[in-house]
Amino acid sequence: MFVASPGVGWGLVADFRTTPDGQKQVVAVDSYIQLLRTLETQQHTGNTLVSFIHGNELSGLCLVQHPEPFDFFMPDAPDTKLVPGFRPIPLDVVQRQIDRAISNTVACLAMARVLLPSLRIVHVLPPPPIESKAQLMSKPEIFQASIEKFGLTPLSIRVKYYQLMAGLMTKALAPFQIEVIAPPPASKNSQGALKDELVYGATHANEAYGAMVVDQMAALERRS
C-alpha cells in the first residue's frame, strides 16, 4: 500500500497546532482522514503502508543560491572547509529552517499513526541532490527564473542540507514508530549526490532509481 502526493498543488493536508494549554495537536483535512480510515482493515494483516508523501521541500530551501550566500559546519565534520566568501551561520538556524519545511510531512504521517495504530508505516526519503549543473540548467522545472537570477547553491551545501533533513526526519518520525528508508547507497556518488545516470529533471530520480528503491522495500518486507 502506498500514500503519495498526487502532484504540485495538493495543498496543506495536515499540520501541527498548539492548543491554548500548550499541547501539540495534529490536524488534517477531512478527505485525508477518510482516506486513512479506508486502510483500517489492513491492520494486523502483515501489510505495510509505504509513504512517498511530499519530498521536494529541500529544493525550495537550497537549490537556488540565497541572495546573501551562507554556509555552515556539520556536527560530525567540524573541520570541513566552508565555501570561500560565504558567511558562516549557526547550525541550529538551518535545523529550524528544515524542521519548518518538513513539518507538514511529519504531520501527515503522525495522523496516519493516530488513525492506524497497529499498521506498519514506512516513509521513503526523496533522492539526494543532483550534482550536474548542465542537467539542472537544462531541466530547471519551476526554478528557471530564480536560477537565472541568483544561480545554484554549491553542491556541498545542498548535500549538507539533505543529510540534515534525513536525520531530522528520522528523529521526528521515531516517536510515532515510523521507519525511514534512506536512498540506496549505490545511488550516490562520492560527493553524496545522486549519480548522473539516475537523475530526472532538476529534483527527481528516474525509473532506474525507482527500481533500486523497490528492491529496498522488498528487502524490508523479507526482514519483517
N, C-alpha and C. Protein backbone atom coordinates (compact mmCIF):
# COMPACT_ATOMS: atom_id res chain seq x y z
N MET A 1 0.85 -1.18 0.00
CA MET A 1 0.00 0.00 0.00
C MET A 1 0.89 1.24 0.00
N PHE A 2 0.48 2.24 -0.76
CA PHE A 2 1.29 3.44 -0.91
C PHE A 2 0.45 4.69 -0.67
N VAL A 3 1.07 5.69 -0.08
CA VAL A 3 0.49 7.03 0.01
C VAL A 3 1.47 7.97 -0.67
N ALA A 4 1.04 8.62 -1.76
CA ALA A 4 1.91 9.51 -2.50
C ALA A 4 1.17 10.79 -2.84
N SER A 5 1.88 11.92 -2.82
CA SER A 5 1.26 13.17 -3.23
C SER A 5 0.90 13.08 -4.70
N PRO A 6 -0.33 13.48 -5.10
CA PRO A 6 -0.73 13.38 -6.49
C PRO A 6 -0.11 14.45 -7.38
N GLY A 7 0.65 15.36 -6.85
CA GLY A 7 1.32 16.34 -7.69
C GLY A 7 1.35 17.71 -7.05
N VAL A 8 1.93 18.65 -7.79
CA VAL A 8 2.03 20.03 -7.30
C VAL A 8 0.63 20.59 -7.07
N GLY A 9 0.46 21.30 -5.98
CA GLY A 9 -0.83 21.93 -5.71
C GLY A 9 -1.75 21.08 -4.85
N TRP A 10 -1.18 20.04 -4.21
CA TRP A 10 -2.02 19.19 -3.36
C TRP A 10 -2.55 19.98 -2.18
N GLY A 11 -1.84 21.02 -1.78
CA GLY A 11 -2.31 21.85 -0.68
C GLY A 11 -1.88 21.31 0.67
N LEU A 12 -2.24 22.04 1.72
CA LEU A 12 -1.90 21.65 3.08
C LEU A 12 -2.86 20.56 3.54
N VAL A 13 -2.31 19.36 3.75
CA VAL A 13 -3.12 18.20 4.11
C VAL A 13 -3.20 18.03 5.63
N ALA A 14 -2.07 18.20 6.28
CA ALA A 14 -2.03 18.03 7.74
C ALA A 14 -1.02 19.01 8.32
N ASP A 15 -1.21 19.31 9.59
CA ASP A 15 -0.33 20.28 10.24
C ASP A 15 -0.40 20.07 11.75
N PHE A 16 0.55 20.65 12.45
CA PHE A 16 0.54 20.65 13.91
C PHE A 16 0.03 21.99 14.40
N ARG A 17 -0.85 21.96 15.38
CA ARG A 17 -1.37 23.17 16.01
C ARG A 17 -1.09 23.10 17.51
N THR A 18 -0.91 24.26 18.11
CA THR A 18 -0.69 24.33 19.56
C THR A 18 -1.99 24.74 20.23
N THR A 19 -2.43 23.95 21.18
CA THR A 19 -3.66 24.22 21.89
C THR A 19 -3.42 25.33 22.93
N PRO A 20 -4.49 25.94 23.46
CA PRO A 20 -4.31 27.01 24.45
C PRO A 20 -3.49 26.61 25.66
N ASP A 21 -3.51 25.31 26.01
CA ASP A 21 -2.73 24.88 27.17
C ASP A 21 -1.31 24.45 26.80
N GLY A 22 -0.91 24.74 25.54
CA GLY A 22 0.46 24.48 25.12
C GLY A 22 0.72 23.10 24.58
N GLN A 23 -0.30 22.28 24.41
CA GLN A 23 -0.13 20.94 23.87
C GLN A 23 -0.07 20.97 22.34
N LYS A 24 0.72 20.07 21.78
CA LYS A 24 0.82 19.97 20.33
C LYS A 24 -0.23 19.00 19.83
N GLN A 25 -0.97 19.40 18.81
CA GLN A 25 -2.06 18.58 18.28
C GLN A 25 -1.94 18.50 16.77
N VAL A 26 -2.15 17.28 16.21
CA VAL A 26 -2.10 17.12 14.76
C VAL A 26 -3.51 17.22 14.20
N VAL A 27 -3.65 17.97 13.12
CA VAL A 27 -4.95 18.15 12.47
C VAL A 27 -4.77 17.86 10.98
N ALA A 28 -5.87 17.47 10.31
CA ALA A 28 -5.79 17.16 8.89
C ALA A 28 -7.12 17.43 8.22
N VAL A 29 -7.09 17.59 6.90
CA VAL A 29 -8.33 17.80 6.15
C VAL A 29 -9.16 16.51 6.17
N ASP A 30 -10.47 16.66 6.05
CA ASP A 30 -11.37 15.51 6.15
C ASP A 30 -11.08 14.44 5.11
N SER A 31 -10.76 14.86 3.88
CA SER A 31 -10.55 13.88 2.82
C SER A 31 -9.36 12.98 3.12
N TYR A 32 -8.33 13.52 3.75
CA TYR A 32 -7.17 12.71 4.11
C TYR A 32 -7.53 11.74 5.23
N ILE A 33 -8.27 12.22 6.20
CA ILE A 33 -8.71 11.36 7.29
C ILE A 33 -9.56 10.21 6.75
N GLN A 34 -10.45 10.52 5.82
CA GLN A 34 -11.29 9.48 5.22
C GLN A 34 -10.45 8.47 4.45
N LEU A 35 -9.43 8.96 3.75
CA LEU A 35 -8.53 8.05 3.03
C LEU A 35 -7.85 7.09 3.98
N LEU A 36 -7.32 7.61 5.07
CA LEU A 36 -6.64 6.75 6.04
C LEU A 36 -7.59 5.73 6.66
N ARG A 37 -8.82 6.13 6.89
CA ARG A 37 -9.77 5.21 7.51
C ARG A 37 -10.13 4.04 6.60
N THR A 38 -9.95 4.22 5.29
CA THR A 38 -10.20 3.09 4.39
C THR A 38 -9.15 2.00 4.57
N LEU A 39 -8.07 2.32 5.25
CA LEU A 39 -6.99 1.36 5.46
C LEU A 39 -7.06 0.66 6.82
N GLU A 40 -8.07 0.98 7.60
CA GLU A 40 -8.17 0.41 8.95
C GLU A 40 -8.20 -1.12 8.93
N THR A 41 -8.82 -1.70 7.91
CA THR A 41 -8.92 -3.17 7.85
C THR A 41 -7.58 -3.82 7.51
N GLN A 42 -6.59 -3.02 7.11
CA GLN A 42 -5.28 -3.57 6.76
C GLN A 42 -4.40 -3.80 7.99
N GLN A 43 -4.87 -3.32 9.13
CA GLN A 43 -4.09 -3.54 10.35
C GLN A 43 -4.16 -5.01 10.75
N HIS A 44 -3.07 -5.48 11.34
CA HIS A 44 -2.96 -6.87 11.80
C HIS A 44 -2.98 -7.87 10.63
N THR A 45 -2.67 -7.39 9.41
CA THR A 45 -2.64 -8.29 8.24
C THR A 45 -1.22 -8.59 7.80
N GLY A 46 -0.25 -7.93 8.40
CA GLY A 46 1.13 -8.09 7.96
C GLY A 46 1.50 -7.15 6.83
N ASN A 47 0.56 -6.32 6.39
CA ASN A 47 0.84 -5.36 5.33
C ASN A 47 1.61 -4.15 5.86
N THR A 48 2.23 -3.43 4.94
CA THR A 48 2.99 -2.23 5.28
C THR A 48 2.48 -1.06 4.47
N LEU A 49 2.29 0.07 5.12
CA LEU A 49 1.92 1.30 4.43
C LEU A 49 3.20 2.05 4.09
N VAL A 50 3.43 2.27 2.80
CA VAL A 50 4.65 2.95 2.34
C VAL A 50 4.29 4.36 1.88
N SER A 51 4.97 5.35 2.41
CA SER A 51 4.68 6.75 2.12
C SER A 51 5.76 7.36 1.23
N PHE A 52 5.30 8.05 0.18
CA PHE A 52 6.18 8.90 -0.63
C PHE A 52 5.66 10.35 -0.55
N ILE A 53 5.04 10.67 0.58
CA ILE A 53 4.43 11.99 0.74
C ILE A 53 5.49 13.11 0.65
N HIS A 54 5.14 14.15 -0.12
CA HIS A 54 5.99 15.33 -0.28
C HIS A 54 7.39 14.93 -0.77
N GLY A 55 8.42 15.61 -0.30
CA GLY A 55 9.77 15.23 -0.68
C GLY A 55 10.56 16.32 -1.39
N ASN A 56 9.89 17.35 -1.87
CA ASN A 56 10.61 18.39 -2.61
C ASN A 56 10.86 19.64 -1.78
N GLU A 57 10.68 19.51 -0.48
CA GLU A 57 10.81 20.69 0.38
C GLU A 57 12.21 21.31 0.31
N LEU A 58 13.23 20.47 0.24
CA LEU A 58 14.59 20.99 0.24
C LEU A 58 14.91 21.78 -1.01
N SER A 59 14.28 21.44 -2.12
CA SER A 59 14.55 22.19 -3.35
C SER A 59 14.20 23.65 -3.18
N GLY A 60 13.10 23.90 -2.51
CA GLY A 60 12.70 25.28 -2.25
C GLY A 60 13.63 25.99 -1.29
N LEU A 61 14.30 25.22 -0.43
CA LEU A 61 15.19 25.82 0.56
C LEU A 61 16.58 26.09 0.02
N CYS A 62 17.10 25.17 -0.79
CA CYS A 62 18.55 25.27 -1.06
C CYS A 62 18.99 25.01 -2.49
N LEU A 63 18.08 24.75 -3.42
CA LEU A 63 18.54 24.56 -4.80
C LEU A 63 19.07 25.88 -5.38
N VAL A 64 18.31 26.94 -5.18
CA VAL A 64 18.70 28.26 -5.68
C VAL A 64 19.57 28.97 -4.65
N GLN A 65 20.64 29.60 -5.14
CA GLN A 65 21.55 30.31 -4.25
C GLN A 65 20.85 31.45 -3.51
N HIS A 66 21.05 31.50 -2.21
CA HIS A 66 20.49 32.60 -1.41
C HIS A 66 21.13 33.92 -1.82
N PRO A 67 20.36 35.02 -1.82
CA PRO A 67 20.93 36.32 -2.19
C PRO A 67 22.12 36.74 -1.34
N GLU A 68 22.15 36.26 -0.09
CA GLU A 68 23.29 36.51 0.79
C GLU A 68 23.90 35.15 1.13
N PRO A 69 24.81 34.67 0.30
CA PRO A 69 25.32 33.29 0.43
C PRO A 69 25.86 32.96 1.82
N PHE A 70 25.49 31.77 2.31
CA PHE A 70 25.94 31.33 3.62
C PHE A 70 26.32 29.85 3.56
N ASP A 71 27.04 29.43 4.57
CA ASP A 71 27.44 28.03 4.70
C ASP A 71 27.45 27.71 6.19
N PHE A 72 27.60 26.43 6.53
CA PHE A 72 27.56 26.03 7.93
C PHE A 72 28.34 24.75 8.13
N PHE A 73 28.78 24.53 9.37
CA PHE A 73 29.52 23.33 9.72
C PHE A 73 28.55 22.23 10.16
N MET A 74 28.85 21.01 9.76
CA MET A 74 28.08 19.85 10.21
C MET A 74 28.66 19.36 11.54
N PRO A 75 27.81 18.86 12.45
CA PRO A 75 28.31 18.44 13.77
C PRO A 75 29.30 17.29 13.72
N ASP A 76 29.17 16.42 12.71
CA ASP A 76 30.08 15.28 12.63
C ASP A 76 31.31 15.57 11.76
N ALA A 77 31.42 16.78 11.24
CA ALA A 77 32.57 17.15 10.42
C ALA A 77 32.93 18.61 10.65
N PRO A 78 33.32 18.95 11.89
CA PRO A 78 33.57 20.35 12.23
C PRO A 78 34.78 20.95 11.52
N ASP A 79 35.65 20.10 10.95
CA ASP A 79 36.86 20.60 10.30
C ASP A 79 36.68 20.80 8.80
N THR A 80 35.48 20.51 8.29
CA THR A 80 35.22 20.68 6.87
C THR A 80 35.30 22.16 6.50
N LYS A 81 35.93 22.43 5.35
CA LYS A 81 36.06 23.82 4.91
C LYS A 81 34.73 24.32 4.34
N LEU A 82 34.43 25.57 4.64
CA LEU A 82 33.24 26.20 4.09
C LEU A 82 33.56 26.79 2.73
N VAL A 83 32.52 27.10 1.97
CA VAL A 83 32.72 27.71 0.66
C VAL A 83 33.35 29.09 0.86
N PRO A 84 34.48 29.37 0.22
CA PRO A 84 35.15 30.66 0.41
C PRO A 84 34.22 31.84 0.09
N GLY A 85 34.22 32.82 0.98
CA GLY A 85 33.43 34.03 0.78
C GLY A 85 32.00 33.93 1.27
N PHE A 86 31.56 32.72 1.65
CA PHE A 86 30.20 32.55 2.15
C PHE A 86 30.18 32.80 3.66
N ARG A 87 29.13 33.46 4.12
CA ARG A 87 29.03 33.81 5.55
C ARG A 87 28.68 32.57 6.36
N PRO A 88 29.45 32.25 7.39
CA PRO A 88 29.10 31.10 8.25
C PRO A 88 27.93 31.45 9.16
N ILE A 89 26.98 30.52 9.28
CA ILE A 89 25.83 30.73 10.16
C ILE A 89 25.72 29.54 11.11
N PRO A 90 25.07 29.70 12.26
CA PRO A 90 24.93 28.60 13.22
C PRO A 90 24.11 27.45 12.65
N LEU A 91 24.50 26.24 13.01
CA LEU A 91 23.79 25.05 12.54
C LEU A 91 22.33 25.07 12.94
N ASP A 92 22.02 25.54 14.13
CA ASP A 92 20.63 25.47 14.60
C ASP A 92 19.70 26.35 13.78
N VAL A 93 20.24 27.37 13.11
CA VAL A 93 19.42 28.20 12.23
C VAL A 93 18.92 27.36 11.05
N VAL A 94 19.82 26.57 10.49
CA VAL A 94 19.46 25.71 9.36
C VAL A 94 18.53 24.59 9.82
N GLN A 95 18.80 24.04 10.99
CA GLN A 95 17.94 22.97 11.51
C GLN A 95 16.51 23.44 11.72
N ARG A 96 16.35 24.64 12.25
CA ARG A 96 15.00 25.19 12.45
C ARG A 96 14.31 25.42 11.10
N GLN A 97 15.07 25.86 10.12
CA GLN A 97 14.53 26.07 8.79
C GLN A 97 14.03 24.75 8.20
N ILE A 98 14.81 23.70 8.35
CA ILE A 98 14.42 22.38 7.82
C ILE A 98 13.24 21.82 8.61
N ASP A 99 13.26 21.98 9.91
CA ASP A 99 12.14 21.49 10.74
C ASP A 99 10.81 22.09 10.26
N ARG A 100 10.83 23.38 9.95
CA ARG A 100 9.60 24.01 9.44
C ARG A 100 9.21 23.42 8.09
N ALA A 101 10.21 23.16 7.25
CA ALA A 101 9.93 22.66 5.91
C ALA A 101 9.34 21.26 5.91
N ILE A 102 9.75 20.41 6.86
CA ILE A 102 9.28 19.03 6.87
C ILE A 102 8.10 18.81 7.81
N SER A 103 7.66 19.87 8.47
CA SER A 103 6.62 19.70 9.49
C SER A 103 5.32 19.14 8.92
N ASN A 104 4.95 19.54 7.71
CA ASN A 104 3.71 19.04 7.12
C ASN A 104 3.81 17.56 6.80
N THR A 105 4.97 17.12 6.34
CA THR A 105 5.18 15.70 6.08
C THR A 105 5.07 14.90 7.37
N VAL A 106 5.72 15.39 8.41
CA VAL A 106 5.65 14.71 9.70
C VAL A 106 4.21 14.68 10.21
N ALA A 107 3.48 15.77 10.02
CA ALA A 107 2.09 15.82 10.46
C ALA A 107 1.22 14.81 9.71
N CYS A 108 1.43 14.69 8.40
CA CYS A 108 0.68 13.71 7.61
C CYS A 108 0.90 12.30 8.14
N LEU A 109 2.14 11.99 8.45
CA LEU A 109 2.47 10.65 8.92
C LEU A 109 2.04 10.45 10.37
N ALA A 110 2.09 11.50 11.16
CA ALA A 110 1.60 11.40 12.54
C ALA A 110 0.11 11.10 12.56
N MET A 111 -0.64 11.75 11.67
CA MET A 111 -2.07 11.48 11.59
C MET A 111 -2.32 10.04 11.13
N ALA A 112 -1.49 9.55 10.23
CA ALA A 112 -1.62 8.15 9.82
C ALA A 112 -1.42 7.21 11.00
N ARG A 113 -0.46 7.54 11.86
CA ARG A 113 -0.23 6.69 13.03
C ARG A 113 -1.39 6.78 14.01
N VAL A 114 -1.95 7.97 14.18
CA VAL A 114 -3.09 8.13 15.10
C VAL A 114 -4.26 7.26 14.66
N LEU A 115 -4.55 7.25 13.37
CA LEU A 115 -5.71 6.52 12.86
C LEU A 115 -5.42 5.06 12.56
N LEU A 116 -4.14 4.72 12.41
CA LEU A 116 -3.75 3.35 12.09
C LEU A 116 -2.69 2.89 13.08
N PRO A 117 -3.07 2.75 14.35
CA PRO A 117 -2.07 2.50 15.40
C PRO A 117 -1.33 1.17 15.28
N SER A 118 -1.90 0.20 14.57
CA SER A 118 -1.28 -1.13 14.52
C SER A 118 -0.66 -1.46 13.17
N LEU A 119 -0.69 -0.51 12.25
CA LEU A 119 -0.17 -0.78 10.90
C LEU A 119 1.29 -0.36 10.81
N ARG A 120 2.09 -1.19 10.18
CA ARG A 120 3.48 -0.81 9.96
C ARG A 120 3.53 0.30 8.91
N ILE A 121 4.24 1.39 9.22
CA ILE A 121 4.33 2.54 8.31
C ILE A 121 5.81 2.82 8.03
N VAL A 122 6.11 2.98 6.75
CA VAL A 122 7.48 3.25 6.31
C VAL A 122 7.44 4.48 5.41
N HIS A 123 8.34 5.41 5.65
CA HIS A 123 8.41 6.62 4.81
C HIS A 123 9.70 6.59 4.00
N VAL A 124 9.57 6.79 2.68
CA VAL A 124 10.72 6.78 1.77
C VAL A 124 11.21 8.21 1.58
N LEU A 125 12.48 8.45 1.89
CA LEU A 125 13.06 9.77 1.70
C LEU A 125 13.22 10.07 0.21
N PRO A 126 13.19 11.34 -0.16
CA PRO A 126 13.41 11.70 -1.56
C PRO A 126 14.85 11.41 -1.97
N PRO A 127 15.12 11.38 -3.28
CA PRO A 127 16.51 11.14 -3.71
C PRO A 127 17.41 12.31 -3.32
N PRO A 128 18.71 12.06 -3.24
CA PRO A 128 19.65 13.12 -2.88
C PRO A 128 19.76 14.16 -3.99
N PRO A 129 20.43 15.28 -3.72
CA PRO A 129 20.52 16.35 -4.72
C PRO A 129 21.29 15.94 -5.96
N ILE A 130 21.03 16.65 -7.04
CA ILE A 130 21.67 16.39 -8.33
C ILE A 130 22.92 17.26 -8.45
N GLU A 131 24.02 16.68 -8.90
CA GLU A 131 25.28 17.41 -8.99
C GLU A 131 25.40 18.20 -10.29
N SER A 132 25.02 17.61 -11.40
CA SER A 132 25.30 18.17 -12.72
C SER A 132 24.65 19.54 -12.93
N LYS A 133 25.47 20.56 -13.09
CA LYS A 133 24.95 21.89 -13.36
C LYS A 133 24.27 21.93 -14.72
N ALA A 134 24.83 21.20 -15.69
CA ALA A 134 24.23 21.16 -17.03
C ALA A 134 22.83 20.58 -16.97
N GLN A 135 22.64 19.51 -16.19
CA GLN A 135 21.33 18.90 -16.05
C GLN A 135 20.34 19.88 -15.41
N LEU A 136 20.78 20.53 -14.36
CA LEU A 136 19.91 21.46 -13.64
C LEU A 136 19.52 22.66 -14.51
N MET A 137 20.45 23.12 -15.33
CA MET A 137 20.16 24.27 -16.17
C MET A 137 19.30 23.89 -17.38
N SER A 138 19.41 22.64 -17.82
CA SER A 138 18.63 22.21 -18.99
C SER A 138 17.22 21.80 -18.61
N LYS A 139 17.01 21.39 -17.36
CA LYS A 139 15.70 20.98 -16.87
C LYS A 139 15.39 21.68 -15.55
N PRO A 140 15.27 22.99 -15.55
CA PRO A 140 15.15 23.72 -14.28
C PRO A 140 13.78 23.63 -13.63
N GLU A 141 12.80 23.06 -14.35
CA GLU A 141 11.44 22.96 -13.81
C GLU A 141 10.94 24.35 -13.39
N ILE A 142 10.38 24.46 -12.19
CA ILE A 142 9.80 25.75 -11.78
C ILE A 142 10.85 26.74 -11.29
N PHE A 143 12.12 26.34 -11.27
CA PHE A 143 13.16 27.17 -10.67
C PHE A 143 13.93 27.99 -11.70
N GLN A 144 13.53 27.97 -12.96
CA GLN A 144 14.32 28.60 -14.01
C GLN A 144 14.60 30.08 -13.75
N ALA A 145 13.56 30.84 -13.48
CA ALA A 145 13.74 32.28 -13.28
C ALA A 145 14.64 32.57 -12.08
N SER A 146 14.45 31.81 -11.00
CA SER A 146 15.27 32.03 -9.80
C SER A 146 16.72 31.64 -10.03
N ILE A 147 16.94 30.54 -10.75
CA ILE A 147 18.31 30.11 -11.04
C ILE A 147 19.01 31.13 -11.92
N GLU A 148 18.29 31.63 -12.92
CA GLU A 148 18.89 32.63 -13.81
C GLU A 148 19.24 33.90 -13.05
N LYS A 149 18.48 34.24 -12.04
CA LYS A 149 18.72 35.47 -11.29
C LYS A 149 19.79 35.30 -10.21
N PHE A 150 19.74 34.18 -9.48
CA PHE A 150 20.63 34.03 -8.32
C PHE A 150 21.68 32.93 -8.48
N GLY A 151 21.50 32.02 -9.43
CA GLY A 151 22.44 30.91 -9.59
C GLY A 151 22.08 29.73 -8.71
N LEU A 152 22.94 28.70 -8.75
CA LEU A 152 22.72 27.47 -8.00
C LEU A 152 23.54 27.47 -6.72
N THR A 153 22.97 26.92 -5.67
CA THR A 153 23.70 26.73 -4.43
C THR A 153 24.78 25.67 -4.65
N PRO A 154 26.00 25.86 -4.17
CA PRO A 154 27.04 24.84 -4.33
C PRO A 154 26.59 23.48 -3.81
N LEU A 155 27.03 22.44 -4.50
CA LEU A 155 26.61 21.08 -4.15
C LEU A 155 26.93 20.74 -2.70
N SER A 156 28.10 21.15 -2.21
CA SER A 156 28.48 20.79 -0.84
C SER A 156 27.44 21.24 0.17
N ILE A 157 26.85 22.41 -0.06
CA ILE A 157 25.83 22.93 0.86
C ILE A 157 24.53 22.17 0.68
N ARG A 158 24.15 21.87 -0.56
CA ARG A 158 22.92 21.13 -0.80
C ARG A 158 22.99 19.72 -0.22
N VAL A 159 24.15 19.09 -0.27
CA VAL A 159 24.31 17.76 0.33
C VAL A 159 24.19 17.84 1.85
N LYS A 160 24.75 18.87 2.45
CA LYS A 160 24.63 19.03 3.90
C LYS A 160 23.17 19.26 4.30
N TYR A 161 22.46 20.05 3.52
CA TYR A 161 21.03 20.23 3.78
C TYR A 161 20.32 18.88 3.74
N TYR A 162 20.65 18.08 2.74
CA TYR A 162 19.98 16.78 2.60
C TYR A 162 20.30 15.88 3.80
N GLN A 163 21.54 15.84 4.20
CA GLN A 163 21.93 14.99 5.33
C GLN A 163 21.23 15.43 6.61
N LEU A 164 21.13 16.74 6.81
CA LEU A 164 20.41 17.23 7.98
C LEU A 164 18.94 16.86 7.92
N MET A 165 18.32 17.04 6.75
CA MET A 165 16.91 16.69 6.59
C MET A 165 16.66 15.23 6.91
N ALA A 166 17.52 14.34 6.40
CA ALA A 166 17.34 12.91 6.63
C ALA A 166 17.39 12.60 8.12
N GLY A 167 18.34 13.20 8.81
CA GLY A 167 18.44 12.96 10.25
C GLY A 167 17.27 13.53 11.03
N LEU A 168 16.85 14.74 10.67
CA LEU A 168 15.74 15.36 11.38
C LEU A 168 14.42 14.65 11.10
N MET A 169 14.23 14.18 9.87
CA MET A 169 13.02 13.44 9.54
C MET A 169 12.96 12.13 10.32
N THR A 170 14.07 11.43 10.36
CA THR A 170 14.12 10.15 11.08
C THR A 170 13.84 10.36 12.57
N LYS A 171 14.43 11.40 13.13
CA LYS A 171 14.22 11.71 14.55
C LYS A 171 12.77 12.09 14.83
N ALA A 172 12.17 12.88 13.92
CA ALA A 172 10.80 13.33 14.13
C ALA A 172 9.79 12.20 14.03
N LEU A 173 10.07 11.20 13.19
CA LEU A 173 9.13 10.10 12.99
C LEU A 173 9.31 8.96 13.98
N ALA A 174 10.45 8.91 14.63
CA ALA A 174 10.73 7.81 15.57
C ALA A 174 9.69 7.68 16.68
N PRO A 175 9.23 8.79 17.30
CA PRO A 175 8.22 8.64 18.36
C PRO A 175 6.91 8.01 17.89
N PHE A 176 6.66 8.09 16.58
CA PHE A 176 5.43 7.51 16.03
C PHE A 176 5.67 6.09 15.51
N GLN A 177 6.85 5.56 15.77
CA GLN A 177 7.22 4.22 15.31
C GLN A 177 7.04 4.09 13.79
N ILE A 178 7.53 5.09 13.10
CA ILE A 178 7.51 5.09 11.64
C ILE A 178 8.95 4.97 11.14
N GLU A 179 9.18 3.95 10.34
CA GLU A 179 10.52 3.70 9.81
C GLU A 179 10.81 4.61 8.62
N VAL A 180 12.08 4.81 8.35
CA VAL A 180 12.51 5.65 7.24
C VAL A 180 13.45 4.86 6.33
N ILE A 181 13.21 4.94 5.03
CA ILE A 181 14.11 4.33 4.05
C ILE A 181 14.95 5.44 3.42
N ALA A 182 16.25 5.37 3.62
CA ALA A 182 17.18 6.33 3.02
C ALA A 182 17.49 5.91 1.58
N PRO A 183 18.05 6.79 0.78
CA PRO A 183 18.40 6.43 -0.59
C PRO A 183 19.34 5.23 -0.63
N PRO A 184 19.23 4.38 -1.64
CA PRO A 184 20.15 3.25 -1.76
C PRO A 184 21.60 3.75 -1.81
N PRO A 185 22.50 3.17 -1.04
CA PRO A 185 23.89 3.64 -1.07
C PRO A 185 24.49 3.67 -2.47
N ALA A 186 24.12 2.71 -3.31
CA ALA A 186 24.67 2.65 -4.66
C ALA A 186 24.15 3.75 -5.57
N SER A 187 23.17 4.52 -5.10
CA SER A 187 22.60 5.59 -5.94
C SER A 187 23.38 6.89 -5.82
N LYS A 188 24.32 6.95 -4.86
CA LYS A 188 25.02 8.21 -4.60
C LYS A 188 26.47 8.15 -5.08
N ASN A 189 26.97 9.29 -5.54
CA ASN A 189 28.37 9.36 -5.92
C ASN A 189 29.23 9.71 -4.71
N SER A 190 30.51 9.93 -4.94
CA SER A 190 31.43 10.17 -3.82
C SER A 190 31.15 11.48 -3.10
N GLN A 191 30.40 12.38 -3.73
CA GLN A 191 30.06 13.65 -3.10
C GLN A 191 28.76 13.59 -2.31
N GLY A 192 28.08 12.44 -2.39
CA GLY A 192 26.79 12.31 -1.70
C GLY A 192 25.62 12.75 -2.55
N ALA A 193 25.88 13.04 -3.83
CA ALA A 193 24.82 13.46 -4.75
C ALA A 193 24.29 12.25 -5.53
N LEU A 194 23.14 12.43 -6.15
CA LEU A 194 22.56 11.39 -6.98
C LEU A 194 23.42 11.19 -8.22
N LYS A 195 23.71 9.94 -8.55
CA LYS A 195 24.52 9.65 -9.72
C LYS A 195 23.84 10.16 -10.99
N ASP A 196 24.66 10.63 -11.93
CA ASP A 196 24.13 11.25 -13.14
C ASP A 196 23.18 10.35 -13.92
N GLU A 197 23.46 9.06 -13.94
CA GLU A 197 22.63 8.14 -14.72
C GLU A 197 21.27 7.86 -14.07
N LEU A 198 21.04 8.43 -12.89
CA LEU A 198 19.79 8.18 -12.17
C LEU A 198 18.91 9.43 -12.06
N VAL A 199 19.33 10.54 -12.65
CA VAL A 199 18.60 11.79 -12.47
C VAL A 199 17.44 11.92 -13.46
N TYR A 200 16.47 12.74 -13.05
CA TYR A 200 15.35 13.09 -13.92
C TYR A 200 14.93 14.52 -13.56
N GLY A 201 14.98 15.41 -14.52
CA GLY A 201 14.63 16.79 -14.25
C GLY A 201 15.65 17.45 -13.34
N ALA A 202 15.16 18.40 -12.53
CA ALA A 202 16.04 19.16 -11.65
C ALA A 202 16.05 18.63 -10.23
N THR A 203 15.01 17.88 -9.85
CA THR A 203 14.90 17.48 -8.44
C THR A 203 14.46 16.03 -8.27
N HIS A 204 14.36 15.28 -9.35
CA HIS A 204 13.80 13.94 -9.26
C HIS A 204 14.79 12.87 -9.73
N ALA A 205 14.41 11.62 -9.50
CA ALA A 205 15.19 10.48 -9.97
C ALA A 205 14.38 9.72 -11.01
N ASN A 206 15.05 8.87 -11.78
CA ASN A 206 14.38 8.17 -12.87
C ASN A 206 13.91 6.77 -12.47
N GLU A 207 13.45 6.01 -13.46
CA GLU A 207 12.90 4.68 -13.19
C GLU A 207 13.96 3.72 -12.66
N ALA A 208 15.19 3.89 -13.10
CA ALA A 208 16.27 3.02 -12.61
C ALA A 208 16.45 3.21 -11.10
N TYR A 209 16.37 4.45 -10.66
CA TYR A 209 16.44 4.72 -9.21
C TYR A 209 15.23 4.10 -8.52
N GLY A 210 14.06 4.25 -9.13
CA GLY A 210 12.86 3.67 -8.56
C GLY A 210 12.98 2.18 -8.38
N ALA A 211 13.61 1.50 -9.33
CA ALA A 211 13.80 0.06 -9.23
C ALA A 211 14.69 -0.28 -8.03
N MET A 212 15.67 0.56 -7.77
CA MET A 212 16.54 0.33 -6.61
C MET A 212 15.76 0.49 -5.31
N VAL A 213 14.85 1.45 -5.27
CA VAL A 213 14.03 1.65 -4.08
C VAL A 213 13.08 0.47 -3.89
N VAL A 214 12.52 -0.04 -4.99
CA VAL A 214 11.65 -1.21 -4.90
C VAL A 214 12.42 -2.39 -4.30
N ASP A 215 13.67 -2.56 -4.70
CA ASP A 215 14.49 -3.63 -4.12
C ASP A 215 14.67 -3.42 -2.62
N GLN A 216 14.85 -2.17 -2.20
CA GLN A 216 14.96 -1.88 -0.77
C GLN A 216 13.68 -2.28 -0.04
N MET A 217 12.55 -1.94 -0.62
CA MET A 217 11.28 -2.24 0.00
C MET A 217 11.05 -3.74 0.09
N ALA A 218 11.45 -4.47 -0.95
CA ALA A 218 11.30 -5.93 -0.93
C ALA A 218 12.15 -6.54 0.17
N ALA A 219 13.38 -6.00 0.32
CA ALA A 219 14.27 -6.49 1.38
C ALA A 219 13.68 -6.18 2.76
N LEU A 220 13.03 -5.03 2.87
CA LEU A 220 12.40 -4.65 4.13
C LEU A 220 11.27 -5.62 4.49
N GLU A 221 10.51 -6.00 3.48
CA GLU A 221 9.42 -6.94 3.72
C GLU A 221 9.93 -8.32 4.13
N ARG A 222 11.04 -8.72 3.54
CA ARG A 222 11.61 -10.03 3.88
C ARG A 222 12.10 -10.06 5.31
N ARG A 223 12.50 -8.87 5.83
CA ARG A 223 13.00 -8.81 7.20
C ARG A 223 11.89 -8.65 8.21
N SER A 224 10.67 -8.38 7.75
CA SER A 224 9.56 -8.12 8.69
C SER A 224 9.03 -9.43 9.26
